[in-house]
């Protein structure tokens, strides 16, 4: 069960691993091909391995600075992409809900919709006046009150916290409420 839950709440790194492996195979395969062609005395397909190694050692001589900068930027971005995929946790926008008989995985958007409904009812405002953002450790409730109608932010905060406690998502996020200073006319 734990393995299934982890698979549902964390993104796979299989695609990135396949891309990295394919790049390594292509570079090594090309190097092997050029070395084999050189070993049998034929002219190189693109670049002789010895000439390529000499050019790499002699860098930046003979290469335009703009081309060198562009190539360096591409290599740095690819390296950053692979590094971040390896280091970052890769969590999906999902929470686990407690249940005795089954594993329940709920998307954060579903939790946000339920909390927005509860906040809207507690604030007595229209649907468009409440926006909820759910992340792994935090729930942010943004409310735009109706002009001239008092809004008790503590009542909205309590209602959202009660709804969240009833759901019992794991991990339990903290709740923050932001009430806009400018109200909505005639909602």
N, C-alpha and C. Protein backbone atom coordinates (compact mmCIF):
# COMPACT_ATOMS: atom_id res chain seq x y z
N UNK A 1 0.82 -1.19 0.00
CA UNK A 1 0.00 0.00 0.00
C UNK A 1 0.88 1.27 0.00
N UNK A 2 1.93 1.24 0.81
CA UNK A 2 2.82 2.40 0.89
C UNK A 2 3.46 2.70 -0.47
N UNK A 3 3.84 1.66 -1.19
CA UNK A 3 4.47 1.84 -2.49
C UNK A 3 3.49 2.47 -3.49
N UNK A 4 2.25 2.05 -3.43
CA UNK A 4 1.23 2.60 -4.31
C UNK A 4 1.00 4.07 -4.00
N UNK A 5 0.90 4.40 -2.72
CA UNK A 5 0.68 5.79 -2.33
C UNK A 5 1.85 6.68 -2.74
N UNK A 6 3.05 6.19 -2.58
CA UNK A 6 4.22 6.97 -3.00
C UNK A 6 4.21 7.19 -4.51
N UNK A 7 3.83 6.17 -5.25
CA UNK A 7 3.78 6.30 -6.71
C UNK A 7 2.72 7.32 -7.14
N UNK A 8 1.62 7.39 -6.40
CA UNK A 8 0.55 8.32 -6.75
C UNK A 8 0.83 9.76 -6.32
N UNK A 9 1.67 9.95 -5.30
CA UNK A 9 1.94 11.30 -4.82
C UNK A 9 3.28 11.86 -5.29
N UNK A 10 4.10 11.06 -5.93
CA UNK A 10 5.39 11.51 -6.42
C UNK A 10 5.48 11.23 -7.92
N UNK A 11 6.07 12.17 -8.64
CA UNK A 11 6.20 11.99 -10.08
C UNK A 11 7.36 11.06 -10.41
N UNK A 12 7.22 10.34 -11.50
CA UNK A 12 8.24 9.40 -11.94
C UNK A 12 9.39 10.14 -12.61
N UNK A 13 10.56 9.62 -12.44
CA UNK A 13 11.73 10.21 -13.09
C UNK A 13 12.19 9.33 -14.24
N UNK A 14 11.33 8.40 -14.64
CA UNK A 14 11.67 7.46 -15.70
C UNK A 14 11.92 8.13 -17.03
N UNK A 15 11.11 9.10 -17.40
CA UNK A 15 11.26 9.77 -18.70
C UNK A 15 12.59 10.52 -18.75
N UNK A 16 12.91 11.24 -17.68
CA UNK A 16 14.17 11.98 -17.65
C UNK A 16 15.35 11.03 -17.67
N UNK A 17 15.23 9.91 -17.00
CA UNK A 17 16.30 8.90 -17.01
C UNK A 17 16.51 8.33 -18.41
N UNK A 18 15.42 8.07 -19.12
CA UNK A 18 15.52 7.55 -20.48
C UNK A 18 16.16 8.58 -21.40
N UNK A 19 15.80 9.86 -21.23
CA UNK A 19 16.41 10.92 -22.06
C UNK A 19 17.91 10.99 -21.80
N UNK A 20 18.31 10.97 -20.52
CA UNK A 20 19.74 11.02 -20.19
C UNK A 20 20.48 9.81 -20.75
N UNK A 21 19.89 8.64 -20.60
CA UNK A 21 20.53 7.42 -21.12
C UNK A 21 20.63 7.46 -22.64
N UNK A 22 19.60 7.94 -23.31
CA UNK A 22 19.63 8.03 -24.78
C UNK A 22 20.72 8.99 -25.24
N UNK A 23 20.87 10.12 -24.56
CA UNK A 23 21.93 11.07 -24.93
C UNK A 23 23.32 10.44 -24.74
N UNK A 24 23.51 9.75 -23.64
CA UNK A 24 24.81 9.10 -23.39
C UNK A 24 25.07 8.02 -24.45
N UNK A 25 24.06 7.23 -24.78
CA UNK A 25 24.21 6.18 -25.79
C UNK A 25 24.54 6.78 -27.15
N UNK A 26 23.86 7.87 -27.51
CA UNK A 26 24.13 8.51 -28.80
C UNK A 26 25.56 9.05 -28.88
N UNK A 27 26.00 9.74 -27.85
CA UNK A 27 27.35 10.30 -27.85
C UNK A 27 28.39 9.18 -27.87
N UNK A 28 28.21 8.18 -27.04
CA UNK A 28 29.17 7.07 -27.01
C UNK A 28 29.14 6.26 -28.31
N UNK A 29 27.96 6.05 -28.86
CA UNK A 29 27.84 5.34 -30.14
C UNK A 29 28.53 6.08 -31.26
N UNK A 30 28.35 7.42 -31.31
CA UNK A 30 29.02 8.20 -32.34
C UNK A 30 30.54 8.16 -32.16
N UNK A 31 30.99 8.30 -30.92
CA UNK A 31 32.43 8.24 -30.66
C UNK A 31 33.00 6.88 -31.06
N UNK A 32 32.26 5.81 -30.76
CA UNK A 32 32.70 4.46 -31.14
C UNK A 32 32.74 4.32 -32.66
N UNK A 33 31.74 4.85 -33.34
CA UNK A 33 31.69 4.78 -34.80
C UNK A 33 32.88 5.52 -35.42
N UNK A 34 33.14 6.74 -34.96
CA UNK A 34 34.26 7.51 -35.52
C UNK A 34 35.60 6.84 -35.21
N UNK A 35 35.72 6.27 -34.02
CA UNK A 35 36.96 5.57 -33.67
C UNK A 35 37.13 4.32 -34.53
N UNK A 36 36.04 3.60 -34.77
CA UNK A 36 36.11 2.42 -35.63
C UNK A 36 36.46 2.78 -37.06
N UNK A 37 35.88 3.85 -37.56
CA UNK A 37 36.18 4.30 -38.92
C UNK A 37 37.65 4.70 -39.02
N UNK A 38 38.17 5.37 -37.99
CA UNK A 38 39.58 5.76 -38.00
C UNK A 38 40.48 4.52 -37.92
N UNK A 39 40.07 3.51 -37.15
CA UNK A 39 40.90 2.31 -36.97
C UNK A 39 41.07 1.54 -38.27
N UNK A 40 40.06 1.59 -39.15
CA UNK A 40 40.20 0.86 -40.42
C UNK A 40 40.73 1.75 -41.54
N UNK A 41 41.13 3.00 -41.18
CA UNK A 41 41.79 3.86 -42.14
C UNK A 41 40.87 4.62 -43.07
N UNK A 42 39.61 4.73 -42.76
CA UNK A 42 38.66 5.47 -43.59
C UNK A 42 38.57 6.91 -43.10
N UNK A 43 38.11 7.82 -43.96
CA UNK A 43 37.95 9.22 -43.52
C UNK A 43 36.77 9.34 -42.54
N UNK A 44 36.83 10.29 -41.60
CA UNK A 44 35.77 10.43 -40.59
C UNK A 44 34.46 10.88 -41.22
N UNK A 45 33.35 10.51 -40.59
CA UNK A 45 32.03 10.93 -41.07
C UNK A 45 31.82 12.42 -40.82
N UNK A 46 32.06 12.85 -39.62
CA UNK A 46 31.91 14.27 -39.30
C UNK A 46 33.22 14.87 -38.82
N UNK A 47 33.75 14.35 -37.72
CA UNK A 47 34.98 14.89 -37.13
C UNK A 47 35.84 13.72 -36.66
N UNK A 48 37.11 13.82 -36.95
CA UNK A 48 38.05 12.83 -36.48
C UNK A 48 38.15 12.94 -34.96
N UNK A 49 38.11 11.82 -34.21
CA UNK A 49 38.16 11.90 -32.74
C UNK A 49 39.40 12.62 -32.21
N UNK A 50 40.54 12.42 -32.84
CA UNK A 50 41.76 13.08 -32.40
C UNK A 50 41.67 14.58 -32.63
N UNK A 51 41.13 14.98 -33.78
CA UNK A 51 40.95 16.40 -34.08
C UNK A 51 39.95 17.03 -33.11
N UNK A 52 38.88 16.33 -32.82
CA UNK A 52 37.87 16.84 -31.88
C UNK A 52 38.48 17.03 -30.50
N UNK A 53 39.28 16.06 -30.04
CA UNK A 53 39.92 16.18 -28.73
C UNK A 53 40.89 17.36 -28.69
N UNK A 54 41.64 17.57 -29.76
CA UNK A 54 42.57 18.70 -29.83
C UNK A 54 41.83 20.03 -29.80
N UNK A 55 40.70 20.12 -30.49
CA UNK A 55 39.90 21.35 -30.49
C UNK A 55 39.32 21.65 -29.11
N UNK A 56 38.87 20.60 -28.43
CA UNK A 56 38.32 20.80 -27.08
C UNK A 56 39.40 21.29 -26.13
N UNK A 57 40.61 20.72 -26.24
CA UNK A 57 41.71 21.14 -25.38
C UNK A 57 42.12 22.58 -25.69
N UNK A 58 42.05 22.99 -26.96
CA UNK A 58 42.49 24.31 -27.38
C UNK A 58 41.42 25.40 -27.18
N UNK A 59 40.24 25.03 -26.68
CA UNK A 59 39.20 26.05 -26.49
C UNK A 59 39.69 27.16 -25.58
N UNK A 60 39.33 28.37 -25.81
CA UNK A 60 38.41 28.98 -26.75
C UNK A 60 39.05 29.46 -28.04
N UNK A 61 40.28 29.07 -28.33
CA UNK A 61 40.97 29.51 -29.54
C UNK A 61 40.22 29.04 -30.79
N UNK A 62 40.02 29.96 -31.72
CA UNK A 62 39.42 29.63 -32.99
C UNK A 62 37.90 29.51 -32.98
N UNK A 63 37.25 29.81 -31.88
CA UNK A 63 35.79 29.73 -31.82
C UNK A 63 35.25 31.11 -31.48
N UNK A 64 34.22 31.51 -32.19
CA UNK A 64 33.61 32.81 -31.93
C UNK A 64 33.03 32.85 -30.51
N UNK A 65 33.21 33.96 -29.82
CA UNK A 65 32.70 34.06 -28.45
C UNK A 65 31.17 33.86 -28.36
N UNK A 66 30.44 34.33 -29.34
CA UNK A 66 28.98 34.18 -29.32
C UNK A 66 28.59 32.70 -29.43
N UNK A 67 29.26 31.97 -30.31
CA UNK A 67 28.99 30.53 -30.46
C UNK A 67 29.38 29.77 -29.21
N UNK A 68 30.50 30.12 -28.61
CA UNK A 68 30.95 29.48 -27.38
C UNK A 68 29.98 29.76 -26.23
N UNK A 69 29.49 31.00 -26.16
CA UNK A 69 28.52 31.36 -25.13
C UNK A 69 27.21 30.62 -25.32
N UNK A 70 26.73 30.53 -26.55
CA UNK A 70 25.48 29.82 -26.83
C UNK A 70 25.61 28.33 -26.49
N UNK A 71 26.71 27.72 -26.89
CA UNK A 71 26.92 26.31 -26.58
C UNK A 71 27.03 26.09 -25.08
N UNK A 72 27.71 26.98 -24.39
CA UNK A 72 27.83 26.87 -22.93
C UNK A 72 26.48 27.03 -22.25
N UNK A 73 25.65 27.94 -22.76
CA UNK A 73 24.31 28.14 -22.18
C UNK A 73 23.44 26.91 -22.38
N UNK A 74 23.50 26.29 -23.56
CA UNK A 74 22.71 25.09 -23.82
C UNK A 74 23.15 23.94 -22.91
N UNK A 75 24.45 23.75 -22.77
CA UNK A 75 24.96 22.69 -21.91
C UNK A 75 24.60 22.97 -20.44
N UNK A 76 24.70 24.23 -20.02
CA UNK A 76 24.35 24.59 -18.64
C UNK A 76 22.87 24.37 -18.36
N UNK A 77 22.00 24.72 -19.30
CA UNK A 77 20.56 24.52 -19.11
C UNK A 77 20.22 23.03 -19.06
N UNK A 78 20.85 22.24 -19.92
CA UNK A 78 20.61 20.79 -19.88
C UNK A 78 21.09 20.21 -18.56
N UNK A 79 22.26 20.64 -18.11
CA UNK A 79 22.77 20.17 -16.83
C UNK A 79 21.88 20.58 -15.67
N UNK A 80 21.37 21.81 -15.69
CA UNK A 80 20.47 22.28 -14.65
C UNK A 80 19.17 21.49 -14.65
N UNK A 81 18.65 21.18 -15.84
CA UNK A 81 17.43 20.39 -15.96
C UNK A 81 17.61 19.01 -15.31
N UNK A 82 18.68 18.34 -15.66
CA UNK A 82 18.92 17.00 -15.11
C UNK A 82 19.24 17.06 -13.61
N UNK A 83 19.98 18.07 -13.19
CA UNK A 83 20.32 18.21 -11.77
C UNK A 83 19.06 18.46 -10.93
N UNK A 84 18.21 19.37 -11.36
CA UNK A 84 17.00 19.67 -10.60
C UNK A 84 16.05 18.48 -10.56
N UNK A 85 15.96 17.73 -11.65
CA UNK A 85 15.13 16.52 -11.64
C UNK A 85 15.67 15.48 -10.69
N UNK A 86 16.96 15.45 -10.49
CA UNK A 86 17.55 14.47 -9.59
C UNK A 86 17.42 14.89 -8.13
N UNK A 87 17.50 16.19 -7.85
CA UNK A 87 17.56 16.67 -6.47
C UNK A 87 16.19 17.01 -5.89
N UNK A 88 15.32 17.62 -6.67
CA UNK A 88 14.02 18.05 -6.14
C UNK A 88 13.13 16.84 -5.86
N UNK A 89 12.22 16.98 -4.91
CA UNK A 89 11.42 15.81 -4.50
C UNK A 89 10.45 15.29 -5.54
N UNK A 90 9.99 16.10 -6.46
CA UNK A 90 9.09 15.61 -7.50
C UNK A 90 7.72 15.22 -6.98
N UNK A 91 7.19 16.00 -6.04
CA UNK A 91 5.87 15.69 -5.49
C UNK A 91 4.79 16.22 -6.41
N UNK A 92 3.74 15.43 -6.53
CA UNK A 92 2.58 15.87 -7.28
C UNK A 92 1.67 16.68 -6.37
N UNK A 93 0.80 17.46 -6.95
CA UNK A 93 -0.13 18.30 -6.19
C UNK A 93 -1.29 17.44 -5.68
N UNK A 94 -0.98 16.56 -4.72
CA UNK A 94 -1.98 15.65 -4.18
C UNK A 94 -1.76 15.47 -2.69
N UNK A 95 -2.85 15.16 -2.00
CA UNK A 95 -2.80 14.84 -0.57
C UNK A 95 -3.46 13.48 -0.34
N UNK A 96 -3.09 12.85 0.75
CA UNK A 96 -3.70 11.59 1.14
C UNK A 96 -4.80 11.88 2.16
N UNK A 97 -5.93 11.20 2.01
CA UNK A 97 -7.01 11.32 2.98
C UNK A 97 -7.14 10.00 3.73
N UNK A 98 -7.42 10.09 5.03
CA UNK A 98 -7.49 8.85 5.82
C UNK A 98 -8.74 8.04 5.50
N UNK A 99 -8.56 6.74 5.41
CA UNK A 99 -9.66 5.81 5.22
C UNK A 99 -9.19 4.46 5.72
N UNK A 100 -10.06 3.75 6.41
CA UNK A 100 -9.66 2.46 6.98
C UNK A 100 -9.54 1.37 5.92
N UNK A 101 -10.33 1.46 4.85
CA UNK A 101 -10.39 0.34 3.90
C UNK A 101 -9.64 0.57 2.61
N UNK A 102 -9.36 1.83 2.26
CA UNK A 102 -8.76 2.08 0.95
C UNK A 102 -7.76 3.23 1.03
N UNK A 103 -6.93 3.29 0.05
CA UNK A 103 -6.00 4.42 -0.08
C UNK A 103 -6.71 5.51 -0.88
N UNK A 104 -6.82 6.69 -0.30
CA UNK A 104 -7.53 7.80 -0.95
C UNK A 104 -6.52 8.90 -1.24
N UNK A 105 -6.33 9.18 -2.53
CA UNK A 105 -5.44 10.23 -2.97
C UNK A 105 -6.31 11.28 -3.65
N UNK A 106 -6.20 12.53 -3.17
CA UNK A 106 -7.05 13.60 -3.68
C UNK A 106 -6.18 14.71 -4.24
N UNK A 107 -6.55 15.18 -5.42
CA UNK A 107 -5.86 16.28 -6.05
C UNK A 107 -6.07 17.56 -5.25
N UNK A 108 -5.05 18.42 -5.20
CA UNK A 108 -5.15 19.66 -4.43
C UNK A 108 -6.26 20.58 -4.94
N UNK A 109 -6.59 20.50 -6.22
CA UNK A 109 -7.67 21.32 -6.76
C UNK A 109 -9.02 20.94 -6.17
N UNK A 110 -9.21 19.67 -5.88
CA UNK A 110 -10.46 19.21 -5.27
C UNK A 110 -10.56 19.74 -3.84
N UNK A 111 -9.46 19.67 -3.12
CA UNK A 111 -9.44 20.22 -1.76
C UNK A 111 -9.69 21.72 -1.80
N UNK A 112 -9.07 22.42 -2.75
CA UNK A 112 -9.26 23.86 -2.88
C UNK A 112 -10.72 24.21 -3.17
N UNK A 113 -11.38 23.43 -4.01
CA UNK A 113 -12.79 23.70 -4.32
C UNK A 113 -13.67 23.52 -3.09
N UNK A 114 -13.41 22.48 -2.30
CA UNK A 114 -14.20 22.26 -1.09
C UNK A 114 -13.97 23.37 -0.08
N UNK A 115 -12.72 23.79 0.08
CA UNK A 115 -12.42 24.86 1.02
C UNK A 115 -12.97 26.20 0.55
N UNK A 116 -12.97 26.43 -0.76
CA UNK A 116 -13.53 27.67 -1.30
C UNK A 116 -15.03 27.73 -1.06
N UNK A 117 -15.69 26.61 -1.21
CA UNK A 117 -17.14 26.57 -0.94
C UNK A 117 -17.42 26.89 0.51
N UNK A 118 -16.66 26.29 1.41
CA UNK A 118 -16.86 26.54 2.85
C UNK A 118 -16.55 28.00 3.19
N UNK A 119 -15.48 28.55 2.62
CA UNK A 119 -15.13 29.96 2.87
C UNK A 119 -16.19 30.90 2.31
N UNK A 120 -16.72 30.56 1.14
CA UNK A 120 -17.76 31.39 0.52
C UNK A 120 -19.01 31.41 1.38
N UNK A 121 -19.41 30.26 1.91
CA UNK A 121 -20.60 30.20 2.77
C UNK A 121 -20.36 30.95 4.08
N UNK A 122 -19.18 30.83 4.66
CA UNK A 122 -18.88 31.51 5.93
C UNK A 122 -18.79 33.02 5.74
N UNK A 123 -18.30 33.46 4.59
CA UNK A 123 -18.15 34.90 4.33
C UNK A 123 -19.41 35.51 3.73
N UNK A 124 -20.34 34.67 3.26
CA UNK A 124 -21.56 35.13 2.62
C UNK A 124 -21.26 36.01 1.41
N UNK A 125 -20.42 35.48 0.53
CA UNK A 125 -20.04 36.19 -0.69
C UNK A 125 -20.29 35.28 -1.89
N UNK A 126 -20.15 35.84 -3.08
CA UNK A 126 -20.34 35.07 -4.32
C UNK A 126 -19.12 34.19 -4.60
N UNK A 127 -19.32 33.24 -5.47
CA UNK A 127 -18.27 32.27 -5.81
C UNK A 127 -17.02 32.95 -6.35
N UNK A 128 -17.19 34.01 -7.12
CA UNK A 128 -16.06 34.69 -7.75
C UNK A 128 -15.23 35.49 -6.76
N UNK A 129 -15.72 35.67 -5.54
CA UNK A 129 -15.03 36.50 -4.56
C UNK A 129 -14.08 35.70 -3.67
N UNK A 130 -14.02 34.41 -3.86
CA UNK A 130 -13.15 33.57 -3.04
C UNK A 130 -12.24 32.77 -3.97
N UNK A 131 -10.94 32.80 -3.62
CA UNK A 131 -9.97 31.98 -4.34
C UNK A 131 -9.10 31.27 -3.31
N UNK A 132 -8.95 29.97 -3.47
CA UNK A 132 -8.16 29.17 -2.54
C UNK A 132 -7.02 28.51 -3.29
N UNK A 133 -5.83 28.60 -2.71
CA UNK A 133 -4.65 27.97 -3.27
C UNK A 133 -4.16 26.95 -2.26
N UNK A 134 -4.05 25.70 -2.69
CA UNK A 134 -3.59 24.62 -1.81
C UNK A 134 -2.23 24.14 -2.31
N UNK A 135 -1.27 24.13 -1.40
CA UNK A 135 0.03 23.53 -1.69
C UNK A 135 0.29 22.45 -0.65
N UNK A 136 1.46 21.88 -0.68
CA UNK A 136 1.75 20.77 0.22
C UNK A 136 1.61 21.16 1.69
N UNK A 137 2.12 22.33 2.07
CA UNK A 137 2.13 22.71 3.49
C UNK A 137 1.30 23.93 3.82
N UNK A 138 0.58 24.48 2.83
CA UNK A 138 -0.14 25.71 3.11
C UNK A 138 -1.41 25.83 2.28
N UNK A 139 -2.42 26.42 2.91
CA UNK A 139 -3.66 26.77 2.22
C UNK A 139 -3.81 28.28 2.36
N UNK A 140 -3.93 28.97 1.24
CA UNK A 140 -4.12 30.41 1.24
C UNK A 140 -5.51 30.71 0.72
N UNK A 141 -6.32 31.39 1.55
CA UNK A 141 -7.69 31.75 1.18
C UNK A 141 -7.71 33.25 0.93
N UNK A 142 -8.04 33.65 -0.29
CA UNK A 142 -8.16 35.06 -0.65
C UNK A 142 -9.64 35.39 -0.80
N UNK A 143 -10.11 36.39 -0.02
CA UNK A 143 -11.51 36.77 -0.05
C UNK A 143 -11.62 38.24 -0.39
N UNK A 144 -12.48 38.56 -1.35
CA UNK A 144 -12.82 39.97 -1.67
C UNK A 144 -14.23 40.21 -1.15
N UNK A 145 -14.36 41.01 -0.11
CA UNK A 145 -15.68 41.21 0.50
C UNK A 145 -16.58 42.07 -0.39
N UNK A 146 -17.86 42.01 -0.10
CA UNK A 146 -18.81 42.88 -0.78
C UNK A 146 -18.76 44.25 -0.10
N UNK A 147 -18.73 45.32 -0.88
CA UNK A 147 -18.64 46.67 -0.32
C UNK A 147 -19.82 46.96 0.59
N UNK A 148 -19.53 47.49 1.76
CA UNK A 148 -20.56 47.86 2.71
C UNK A 148 -21.04 46.74 3.59
N UNK A 149 -20.63 45.51 3.34
CA UNK A 149 -21.03 44.36 4.15
C UNK A 149 -19.83 43.92 4.99
N UNK A 150 -19.97 43.95 6.31
CA UNK A 150 -18.81 43.57 7.15
C UNK A 150 -18.48 42.09 6.97
N UNK A 151 -17.19 41.80 7.04
CA UNK A 151 -16.71 40.43 6.87
C UNK A 151 -15.85 40.07 8.08
N UNK A 152 -16.19 38.99 8.73
CA UNK A 152 -15.42 38.52 9.88
C UNK A 152 -14.41 37.48 9.38
N UNK A 153 -13.17 37.90 9.28
CA UNK A 153 -12.15 37.00 8.75
C UNK A 153 -11.89 35.82 9.68
N UNK A 154 -12.05 36.03 11.00
CA UNK A 154 -11.83 34.93 11.92
C UNK A 154 -12.88 33.83 11.75
N UNK A 155 -14.13 34.21 11.40
CA UNK A 155 -15.17 33.21 11.16
C UNK A 155 -14.86 32.39 9.91
N UNK A 156 -14.36 33.06 8.87
CA UNK A 156 -13.98 32.37 7.64
C UNK A 156 -12.80 31.44 7.91
N UNK A 157 -11.82 31.93 8.66
CA UNK A 157 -10.66 31.12 8.99
C UNK A 157 -11.06 29.88 9.80
N UNK A 158 -11.94 30.05 10.78
CA UNK A 158 -12.41 28.90 11.57
C UNK A 158 -13.16 27.90 10.71
N UNK A 159 -14.01 28.39 9.81
CA UNK A 159 -14.78 27.49 8.94
C UNK A 159 -13.85 26.68 8.04
N UNK A 160 -12.85 27.33 7.48
CA UNK A 160 -11.91 26.63 6.60
C UNK A 160 -11.08 25.62 7.40
N UNK A 161 -10.66 26.00 8.59
CA UNK A 161 -9.89 25.06 9.42
C UNK A 161 -10.73 23.85 9.82
N UNK A 162 -12.01 24.07 10.16
CA UNK A 162 -12.89 22.94 10.51
C UNK A 162 -13.06 21.99 9.32
N UNK A 163 -13.27 22.56 8.14
CA UNK A 163 -13.41 21.73 6.94
C UNK A 163 -12.14 20.92 6.68
N UNK A 164 -11.00 21.56 6.86
CA UNK A 164 -9.73 20.88 6.66
C UNK A 164 -9.53 19.78 7.70
N UNK A 165 -9.93 20.03 8.94
CA UNK A 165 -9.83 19.01 9.99
C UNK A 165 -10.75 17.82 9.69
N UNK A 166 -11.93 18.10 9.16
CA UNK A 166 -12.85 17.01 8.80
C UNK A 166 -12.27 16.14 7.69
N UNK A 167 -11.63 16.79 6.72
CA UNK A 167 -11.00 16.03 5.63
C UNK A 167 -9.82 15.23 6.15
N UNK A 168 -8.98 15.87 6.95
CA UNK A 168 -7.79 15.22 7.50
C UNK A 168 -6.74 14.86 6.48
N UNK A 169 -6.37 15.79 5.58
CA UNK A 169 -5.36 15.44 4.58
C UNK A 169 -3.99 15.25 5.23
N UNK A 170 -3.20 14.40 4.60
CA UNK A 170 -1.85 14.16 5.07
C UNK A 170 -0.89 14.56 3.95
N UNK A 171 0.02 15.46 4.19
CA UNK A 171 0.29 16.23 5.40
C UNK A 171 -0.73 17.35 5.58
N UNK A 172 -0.97 17.72 6.83
CA UNK A 172 -1.94 18.77 7.17
C UNK A 172 -1.33 20.14 6.90
N UNK A 173 -1.91 20.90 5.97
CA UNK A 173 -1.37 22.23 5.67
C UNK A 173 -1.85 23.28 6.67
N UNK A 174 -1.07 24.35 6.81
CA UNK A 174 -1.46 25.50 7.61
C UNK A 174 -2.40 26.37 6.78
N UNK A 175 -3.29 27.10 7.46
CA UNK A 175 -4.27 27.92 6.76
C UNK A 175 -3.95 29.39 6.99
N UNK A 176 -3.95 30.16 5.91
CA UNK A 176 -3.80 31.61 5.97
C UNK A 176 -4.97 32.23 5.23
N UNK A 177 -5.46 33.36 5.72
CA UNK A 177 -6.55 34.05 5.05
C UNK A 177 -6.11 35.46 4.75
N UNK A 178 -6.44 35.93 3.56
CA UNK A 178 -6.15 37.29 3.14
C UNK A 178 -7.47 37.92 2.68
N UNK A 179 -7.84 39.00 3.34
CA UNK A 179 -9.05 39.73 2.97
C UNK A 179 -8.62 40.98 2.22
N UNK A 180 -9.14 41.13 1.02
CA UNK A 180 -8.77 42.29 0.19
C UNK A 180 -9.31 43.57 0.81
N UNK A 181 -8.56 44.65 0.63
CA UNK A 181 -9.00 45.92 1.17
C UNK A 181 -10.08 46.55 0.32
N UNK A 182 -10.07 46.29 -0.96
CA UNK A 182 -11.10 46.82 -1.87
C UNK A 182 -12.20 45.78 -2.02
N UNK A 183 -13.44 46.21 -1.85
CA UNK A 183 -14.56 45.30 -1.96
C UNK A 183 -15.15 45.24 -3.36
N UNK A 184 -16.10 44.34 -3.52
CA UNK A 184 -16.79 44.16 -4.78
C UNK A 184 -18.14 44.85 -4.66
N UNK A 185 -18.54 45.58 -5.69
CA UNK A 185 -19.81 46.31 -5.64
C UNK A 185 -20.95 45.41 -6.06
N UNK A 186 -21.98 45.31 -5.23
CA UNK A 186 -23.24 44.64 -5.55
C UNK A 186 -23.13 43.18 -5.92
N UNK A 187 -22.46 42.41 -5.15
CA UNK A 187 -22.36 40.99 -5.48
C UNK A 187 -23.52 40.20 -4.95
